[in-house]
Amino acid sequence: MARTLSVELTDAEWAALCHIAVDPDDWFQDMVKLRCKNTIHEIANQRIKQMLDDPAVTSIPADKEVLFNNLLAAGEIKTAASMNEESVKDMMTRLPTAMDLTPETPALDTDLNI
């Protein structure tokens, strides 16, 4: 499924973009596509390294986009939003709550001269 993205710019932002790009529309398209391609290659390179280190792996796809699509189909590619949510949940499990406090728990401001 293809997606179409658009961006709304102020007059000043448009003028700034026109200052750096002969064709702002092409520049925008190229920058987004380049970022996506770089991400595909970064993820594929990480997986290739893991596969090379795994003696049980007998073959590695020759095309990084094929490898990325295989990972995507297997549900192994996460969105930034889901990774952020997982990180927040993980941090929350590590933070002490009021239930964790005991009379022996040191005060946070013991070093302050208040």
C-alpha atoms as a PDB file:
ATOM      1  CA  MET A   1       0.000   0.000   0.000  1.00  0.00           C
ATOM      2  CA  ALA A   2       1.409   3.382  -0.985  1.00  0.00           C
ATOM      3  CA  ARG A   3       1.090   6.421   1.261  1.00  0.00           C
ATOM      4  CA  THR A   4       0.977  10.087   0.336  1.00  0.00           C
ATOM      5  CA  LEU A   5       2.468  12.641   2.690  1.00  0.00           C
ATOM      6  CA  SER A   6       2.019  16.384   2.624  1.00  0.00           C
ATOM      7  CA  VAL A   7       3.396  19.251   4.659  1.00  0.00           C
ATOM      8  CA  GLU A   8       2.011  22.726   5.234  1.00  0.00           C
ATOM      9  CA  LEU A   9       4.622  25.482   5.306  1.00  0.00           C
ATOM     10  CA  THR A  10       4.395  29.103   6.306  1.00  0.00           C
ATOM     11  CA  ASP A  11       5.435  31.694   3.731  1.00  0.00           C
ATOM     12  CA  ALA A  12       8.745  32.098   5.537  1.00  0.00           C
ATOM     13  CA  GLU A  13       9.355  28.332   5.597  1.00  0.00           C
ATOM     14  CA  TRP A  14       8.531  28.101   1.876  1.00  0.00           C
ATOM     15  CA  ALA A  15      10.929  30.971   1.117  1.00  0.00           C
ATOM     16  CA  ALA A  16      13.651  29.233   3.138  1.00  0.00           C
ATOM     17  CA  LEU A  17      13.074  25.966   1.288  1.00  0.00           C
ATOM     18  CA  CYS A  18      13.177  27.761  -2.059  1.00  0.00           C
ATOM     19  CA  HIS A  19      16.493  29.271  -0.973  1.00  0.00           C
ATOM     20  CA  ILE A  20      18.116  25.836  -0.613  1.00  0.00           C
ATOM     21  CA  ALA A  21      16.288  23.847  -3.287  1.00  0.00           C
ATOM     22  CA  VAL A  22      15.836  24.532  -6.994  1.00  0.00           C
ATOM     23  CA  ASP A  23      12.679  22.383  -6.932  1.00  0.00           C
ATOM     24  CA  PRO A  24      11.288  22.245  -3.371  1.00  0.00           C
ATOM     25  CA  ASP A  25       8.768  19.505  -4.191  1.00  0.00           C
ATOM     26  CA  ASP A  26      11.479  17.229  -5.607  1.00  0.00           C
ATOM     27  CA  TRP A  27      13.762  18.050  -2.667  1.00  0.00           C
ATOM     28  CA  PHE A  28      11.045  17.088  -0.189  1.00  0.00           C
ATOM     29  CA  GLN A  29      10.321  13.821  -2.030  1.00  0.00           C
ATOM     30  CA  ASP A  30      14.016  12.962  -2.282  1.00  0.00           C
ATOM     31  CA  MET A  31      14.742  13.683   1.388  1.00  0.00           C
ATOM     32  CA  VAL A  32      11.871  11.536   2.653  1.00  0.00           C
ATOM     33  CA  LYS A  33      12.706   8.670   0.308  1.00  0.00           C
ATOM     34  CA  LEU A  34      16.403   8.864   1.209  1.00  0.00           C
ATOM     35  CA  ARG A  35      15.586   8.716   4.943  1.00  0.00           C
ATOM     36  CA  CYS A  36      13.382   5.678   4.368  1.00  0.00           C
ATOM     37  CA  LYS A  37      16.041   3.945   2.262  1.00  0.00           C
ATOM     38  CA  ASN A  38      18.680   4.624   4.926  1.00  0.00           C
ATOM     39  CA  THR A  39      16.431   3.135   7.614  1.00  0.00           C
ATOM     40  CA  ILE A  40      15.790   0.028   5.511  1.00  0.00           C
ATOM     41  CA  HIS A  41      19.544  -0.418   5.063  1.00  0.00           C
ATOM     42  CA  GLU A  42      20.321   0.227   8.762  1.00  0.00           C
ATOM     43  CA  ILE A  43      17.823  -2.419   9.878  1.00  0.00           C
ATOM     44  CA  ALA A  44      18.944  -4.870   7.184  1.00  0.00           C
ATOM     45  CA  ASN A  45      22.610  -4.355   8.127  1.00  0.00           C
ATOM     46  CA  GLN A  46      21.835  -5.080  11.785  1.00  0.00           C
ATOM     47  CA  ARG A  47      20.019  -8.275  10.836  1.00  0.00           C
ATOM     48  CA  ILE A  48      22.760  -9.338   8.417  1.00  0.00           C
ATOM     49  CA  LYS A  49      25.325  -8.970  11.221  1.00  0.00           C
ATOM     50  CA  GLN A  50      23.134 -11.122  13.488  1.00  0.00           C
ATOM     51  CA  MET A  51      22.754 -13.716  10.727  1.00  0.00           C
ATOM     52  CA  LEU A  52      26.507 -13.815  10.077  1.00  0.00           C
ATOM     53  CA  ASP A  53      27.109 -14.432  13.779  1.00  0.00           C
ATOM     54  CA  ASP A  54      24.564 -17.278  13.846  1.00  0.00           C
ATOM     55  CA  PRO A  55      26.069 -20.596  12.682  1.00  0.00           C
ATOM     56  CA  ALA A  56      22.572 -21.999  12.116  1.00  0.00           C
ATOM     57  CA  VAL A  57      21.901 -19.497   9.306  1.00  0.00           C
ATOM     58  CA  THR A  58      22.679 -21.066   5.936  1.00  0.00           C
ATOM     59  CA  SER A  59      21.667 -18.239   3.605  1.00  0.00           C
ATOM     60  CA  ILE A  60      21.157 -14.490   3.670  1.00  0.00           C
ATOM     61  CA  PRO A  61      19.030 -12.574   1.155  1.00  0.00           C
ATOM     62  CA  ALA A  62      21.198 -10.643  -1.313  1.00  0.00           C
ATOM     63  CA  ASP A  63      18.794  -7.692  -1.398  1.00  0.00           C
ATOM     64  CA  LYS A  64      18.410  -5.526   1.695  1.00  0.00           C
ATOM     65  CA  GLU A  65      14.903  -4.450   0.723  1.00  0.00           C
ATOM     66  CA  VAL A  66      13.874  -8.118   0.413  1.00  0.00           C
ATOM     67  CA  LEU A  67      15.334  -8.775   3.856  1.00  0.00           C
ATOM     68  CA  PHE A  68      13.529  -5.734   5.291  1.00  0.00           C
ATOM     69  CA  ASN A  69      10.234  -6.818   3.693  1.00  0.00           C
ATOM     70  CA  ASN A  70      10.675 -10.308   5.148  1.00  0.00           C
ATOM     71  CA  LEU A  71      11.166  -8.779   8.606  1.00  0.00           C
ATOM     72  CA  LEU A  72       8.148  -6.533   8.059  1.00  0.00           C
ATOM     73  CA  ALA A  73       5.988  -9.492   7.011  1.00  0.00           C
ATOM     74  CA  ALA A  74       7.141 -11.403  10.096  1.00  0.00           C
ATOM     75  CA  GLY A  75       6.037  -8.517  12.330  1.00  0.00           C
ATOM     76  CA  GLU A  76       9.606  -7.791  13.432  1.00  0.00           C
ATOM     77  CA  ILE A  77       9.622  -4.120  12.396  1.00  0.00           C
ATOM     78  CA  LYS A  78       8.155  -1.877  15.069  1.00  0.00           C
ATOM     79  CA  THR A  79       6.960   1.687  14.751  1.00  0.00           C
ATOM     80  CA  ALA A  80       8.704   4.438  16.680  1.00  0.00           C
ATOM     81  CA  ALA A  81       5.461   4.976  18.602  1.00  0.00           C
ATOM     82  CA  SER A  82       5.299   1.343  19.748  1.00  0.00           C
ATOM     83  CA  MET A  83       9.012   1.304  20.681  1.00  0.00           C
ATOM     84  CA  ASN A  84       8.501   4.504  22.675  1.00  0.00           C
ATOM     85  CA  GLU A  85       5.484   3.002  24.445  1.00  0.00           C
ATOM     86  CA  GLU A  86       7.495  -0.108  25.337  1.00  0.00           C
ATOM     87  CA  SER A  87      10.319   2.056  26.699  1.00  0.00           C
ATOM     88  CA  VAL A  88       7.936   4.090  28.847  1.00  0.00           C
ATOM     89  CA  LYS A  89       6.319   0.922  30.223  1.00  0.00           C
ATOM     90  CA  ASP A  90       9.757  -0.511  30.970  1.00  0.00           C
ATOM     91  CA  MET A  91      10.835   2.677  32.752  1.00  0.00           C
ATOM     92  CA  MET A  92       7.630   2.713  34.763  1.00  0.00           C
ATOM     93  CA  THR A  93       8.324  -0.812  36.043  1.00  0.00           C
ATOM     94  CA  ARG A  94      11.726   0.362  37.274  1.00  0.00           C
ATOM     95  CA  LEU A  95      10.532   3.492  39.079  1.00  0.00           C
ATOM     96  CA  PRO A  96       9.735   3.209  42.759  1.00  0.00           C
ATOM     97  CA  THR A  97       6.213   4.033  43.815  1.00  0.00           C
ATOM     98  CA  ALA A  98       4.851   5.179  47.158  1.00  0.00           C
ATOM     99  CA  MET A  99       4.128   1.514  47.932  1.00  0.00           C
ATOM    100  CA  ASP A 100       7.890   0.829  47.677  1.00  0.00           C
ATOM    101  CA  LEU A 101       8.786   3.393  50.343  1.00  0.00           C
ATOM    102  CA  THR A 102       9.676   2.304  53.856  1.00  0.00           C
ATOM    103  CA  PRO A 103      10.689   4.328  56.903  1.00  0.00           C
ATOM    104  CA  GLU A 104      14.291   3.451  56.014  1.00  0.00           C
ATOM    105  CA  THR A 105      14.039   4.955  52.519  1.00  0.00           C
ATOM    106  CA  PRO A 106      16.343   7.976  52.428  1.00  0.00           C
ATOM    107  CA  ALA A 107      14.838  11.335  51.588  1.00  0.00           C
ATOM    108  CA  LEU A 108      15.696  12.705  48.173  1.00  0.00           C
ATOM    109  CA  ASP A 109      16.761  16.064  49.608  1.00  0.00           C
ATOM    110  CA  THR A 110      19.209  14.837  52.270  1.00  0.00           C
ATOM    111  CA  ASP A 111      22.160  16.586  50.580  1.00  0.00           C
ATOM    112  CA  LEU A 112      20.384  19.906  50.203  1.00  0.00           C
ATOM    113  CA  ASN A 113      21.009  22.702  52.664  1.00  0.00           C
ATOM    114  CA  ILE A 114      17.425  23.895  52.902  1.00  0.00           C
END
